Amino acid sequence: MEKLISCCGLNCANCDARIATINNDNELRTKTAATWKVQYGADITPEMINCTGCREAGVKFAHCAECEIRNCVKSKGFETCADCEKLENCEITKDIHQYLPEALLNLKSLN
């Protein structure tokens, strides 16, 4: 199984936004926008579903520019949160790792 670990530990290889972008799949973009609109309570359109992965070259999902986790990682010159000594006690990542523990496990597997 392909792994493309984001700054916070999510596996971008499994992300519908990345899959839709790589495959230029407008049907998946529409489905993903509808799902995320409900899931995150945000106004997300199919045109916004374009991302190659938070650490990969290419287009990014609109949230990436304001992502506190990604911005922290970049400001410290790290590749991911796995490079940080605060990995398991970080206030910035605590919510995502609480609700998606596989993200923390992905980061730990990088060390």
C-alpha atoms as a PDB file:
ATOM      1  CA  MET A   1       0.000   0.000   0.000  1.00  0.00           C
ATOM      2  CA  GLU A   2       1.375   3.398  -1.015  1.00  0.00           C
ATOM      3  CA  LYS A   3       2.027   5.885   1.765  1.00  0.00           C
ATOM      4  CA  LEU A   4       2.442   9.590   1.297  1.00  0.00           C
ATOM      5  CA  ILE A   5       2.534  11.005   4.815  1.00  0.00           C
ATOM      6  CA  SER A   6       1.471  14.614   5.278  1.00  0.00           C
ATOM      7  CA  CYS A   7       2.932  17.031   7.819  1.00  0.00           C
ATOM      8  CA  CYS A   8       0.340  15.971  10.434  1.00  0.00           C
ATOM      9  CA  GLY A   9       0.534  12.270   9.631  1.00  0.00           C
ATOM     10  CA  LEU A  10      -2.460  11.719   7.373  1.00  0.00           C
ATOM     11  CA  ASN A  11      -1.799   9.457   4.414  1.00  0.00           C
ATOM     12  CA  CYS A  12      -2.331  11.664   1.356  1.00  0.00           C
ATOM     13  CA  ALA A  13      -2.188   8.585  -0.882  1.00  0.00           C
ATOM     14  CA  ASN A  14      -5.642   7.648   0.460  1.00  0.00           C
ATOM     15  CA  CYS A  15      -7.113  11.147   0.238  1.00  0.00           C
ATOM     16  CA  ASP A  16      -9.994  11.548  -2.199  1.00  0.00           C
ATOM     17  CA  ALA A  17      -8.855  15.080  -3.087  1.00  0.00           C
ATOM     18  CA  ARG A  18      -5.439  13.805  -4.156  1.00  0.00           C
ATOM     19  CA  ILE A  19      -6.905  10.802  -5.969  1.00  0.00           C
ATOM     20  CA  ALA A  20      -9.360  13.068  -7.832  1.00  0.00           C
ATOM     21  CA  THR A  21      -6.528  15.435  -8.757  1.00  0.00           C
ATOM     22  CA  ILE A  22      -4.107  12.754  -9.935  1.00  0.00           C
ATOM     23  CA  ASN A  23      -6.833  11.022 -11.986  1.00  0.00           C
ATOM     24  CA  ASN A  24      -8.588  14.244 -13.067  1.00  0.00           C
ATOM     25  CA  ASP A  25     -11.807  12.645 -11.761  1.00  0.00           C
ATOM     26  CA  ASN A  26     -14.563  15.265 -11.670  1.00  0.00           C
ATOM     27  CA  GLU A  27     -17.110  12.796 -10.323  1.00  0.00           C
ATOM     28  CA  LEU A  28     -14.891  12.110  -7.301  1.00  0.00           C
ATOM     29  CA  ARG A  29     -14.307  15.865  -6.875  1.00  0.00           C
ATOM     30  CA  THR A  30     -18.067  16.419  -6.712  1.00  0.00           C
ATOM     31  CA  LYS A  31     -18.580  13.551  -4.264  1.00  0.00           C
ATOM     32  CA  THR A  32     -15.673  14.684  -2.066  1.00  0.00           C
ATOM     33  CA  ALA A  33     -16.874  18.303  -1.999  1.00  0.00           C
ATOM     34  CA  ALA A  34     -20.348  17.192  -0.920  1.00  0.00           C
ATOM     35  CA  THR A  35     -18.963  14.914   1.787  1.00  0.00           C
ATOM     36  CA  TRP A  36     -16.514  17.490   3.154  1.00  0.00           C
ATOM     37  CA  LYS A  37     -19.150  20.235   3.046  1.00  0.00           C
ATOM     38  CA  VAL A  38     -21.257  18.226   5.500  1.00  0.00           C
ATOM     39  CA  GLN A  39     -18.337  16.763   7.470  1.00  0.00           C
ATOM     40  CA  TYR A  40     -16.548  20.068   8.035  1.00  0.00           C
ATOM     41  CA  GLY A  41     -19.461  22.500   7.796  1.00  0.00           C
ATOM     42  CA  ALA A  42     -17.613  24.557   5.194  1.00  0.00           C
ATOM     43  CA  ASP A  43     -18.546  25.862   1.772  1.00  0.00           C
ATOM     44  CA  ILE A  44     -16.508  23.485  -0.372  1.00  0.00           C
ATOM     45  CA  THR A  45     -17.069  23.227  -4.102  1.00  0.00           C
ATOM     46  CA  PRO A  46     -15.856  20.578  -6.552  1.00  0.00           C
ATOM     47  CA  GLU A  47     -13.531  23.184  -8.090  1.00  0.00           C
ATOM     48  CA  MET A  48     -11.719  23.404  -4.744  1.00  0.00           C
ATOM     49  CA  ILE A  49     -10.924  19.687  -4.732  1.00  0.00           C
ATOM     50  CA  ASN A  50      -7.432  19.851  -6.179  1.00  0.00           C
ATOM     51  CA  CYS A  51      -4.389  18.723  -4.215  1.00  0.00           C
ATOM     52  CA  THR A  52      -1.276  16.671  -4.900  1.00  0.00           C
ATOM     53  CA  GLY A  53      -0.477  16.241  -1.211  1.00  0.00           C
ATOM     54  CA  CYS A  54       0.688  18.671   1.433  1.00  0.00           C
ATOM     55  CA  ARG A  55       4.379  17.800   1.033  1.00  0.00           C
ATOM     56  CA  GLU A  56       4.352  17.186  -2.722  1.00  0.00           C
ATOM     57  CA  ALA A  57       4.987  19.647  -5.527  1.00  0.00           C
ATOM     58  CA  GLY A  58       1.884  20.886  -7.268  1.00  0.00           C
ATOM     59  CA  VAL A  59      -1.509  22.275  -6.426  1.00  0.00           C
ATOM     60  CA  LYS A  60      -2.729  22.344  -2.819  1.00  0.00           C
ATOM     61  CA  PHE A  61      -6.199  22.288  -1.293  1.00  0.00           C
ATOM     62  CA  ALA A  62      -7.180  25.805  -0.203  1.00  0.00           C
ATOM     63  CA  HIS A  63      -6.852  24.943   3.506  1.00  0.00           C
ATOM     64  CA  CYS A  64      -3.158  24.072   3.138  1.00  0.00           C
ATOM     65  CA  ALA A  65      -2.154  27.749   2.975  1.00  0.00           C
ATOM     66  CA  GLU A  66      -3.692  28.370   6.391  1.00  0.00           C
ATOM     67  CA  CYS A  67      -3.039  24.971   7.979  1.00  0.00           C
ATOM     68  CA  GLU A  68      -1.482  25.681  11.362  1.00  0.00           C
ATOM     69  CA  ILE A  69       0.216  22.290  11.448  1.00  0.00           C
ATOM     70  CA  ARG A  70       1.757  22.588   7.971  1.00  0.00           C
ATOM     71  CA  ASN A  71       2.875  26.158   8.667  1.00  0.00           C
ATOM     72  CA  CYS A  72       4.491  25.099  11.959  1.00  0.00           C
ATOM     73  CA  VAL A  73       6.358  22.227  10.282  1.00  0.00           C
ATOM     74  CA  LYS A  74       7.595  24.507   7.493  1.00  0.00           C
ATOM     75  CA  SER A  75       8.624  27.282   9.904  1.00  0.00           C
ATOM     76  CA  LYS A  76      10.791  24.826  11.855  1.00  0.00           C
ATOM     77  CA  GLY A  77      12.370  23.403   8.706  1.00  0.00           C
ATOM     78  CA  PHE A  78      10.939  19.941   9.399  1.00  0.00           C
ATOM     79  CA  GLU A  79       9.562  17.418   6.927  1.00  0.00           C
ATOM     80  CA  THR A  80       6.702  16.332   9.221  1.00  0.00           C
ATOM     81  CA  CYS A  81       5.642  16.543  12.844  1.00  0.00           C
ATOM     82  CA  ALA A  82       7.664  13.336  13.353  1.00  0.00           C
ATOM     83  CA  ASP A  83      10.782  15.531  13.397  1.00  0.00           C
ATOM     84  CA  CYS A  84       9.517  17.494  16.410  1.00  0.00           C
ATOM     85  CA  GLU A  85      10.242  16.591  20.029  1.00  0.00           C
ATOM     86  CA  LYS A  86       6.692  17.701  20.961  1.00  0.00           C
ATOM     87  CA  LEU A  87       5.071  15.116  18.674  1.00  0.00           C
ATOM     88  CA  GLU A  88       2.999  13.403  21.349  1.00  0.00           C
ATOM     89  CA  ASN A  89       2.300  16.495  23.469  1.00  0.00           C
ATOM     90  CA  CYS A  90       1.630  19.146  20.833  1.00  0.00           C
ATOM     91  CA  GLU A  91      -1.273  21.515  21.330  1.00  0.00           C
ATOM     92  CA  ILE A  92      -1.519  22.136  17.578  1.00  0.00           C
ATOM     93  CA  THR A  93      -1.899  18.467  16.580  1.00  0.00           C
ATOM     94  CA  LYS A  94      -3.758  17.131  19.616  1.00  0.00           C
ATOM     95  CA  ASP A  95      -7.218  17.285  18.021  1.00  0.00           C
ATOM     96  CA  ILE A  96      -6.306  15.576  14.773  1.00  0.00           C
ATOM     97  CA  HIS A  97      -4.351  12.866  16.574  1.00  0.00           C
ATOM     98  CA  GLN A  98      -7.173  12.356  19.068  1.00  0.00           C
ATOM     99  CA  TYR A  99      -9.768  11.829  16.337  1.00  0.00           C
ATOM    100  CA  LEU A 100      -7.472  10.184  13.800  1.00  0.00           C
ATOM    101  CA  PRO A 101      -4.924   8.169  15.806  1.00  0.00           C
ATOM    102  CA  GLU A 102      -3.647   6.537  12.613  1.00  0.00           C
ATOM    103  CA  ALA A 103      -2.074   9.898  11.748  1.00  0.00           C
ATOM    104  CA  LEU A 104       0.073   9.741  14.888  1.00  0.00           C
ATOM    105  CA  LEU A 105       0.975   6.118  14.137  1.00  0.00           C
ATOM    106  CA  ASN A 106       2.013   7.114  10.599  1.00  0.00           C
ATOM    107  CA  LEU A 107       4.336   9.781  12.019  1.00  0.00           C
ATOM    108  CA  LYS A 108       5.840   7.370  14.540  1.00  0.00           C
ATOM    109  CA  SER A 109       6.537   4.904  11.732  1.00  0.00           C
ATOM    110  CA  LEU A 110       8.761   7.509  10.033  1.00  0.00           C
ATOM    111  CA  ASN A 111      11.279   7.519  12.899  1.00  0.00           C
END
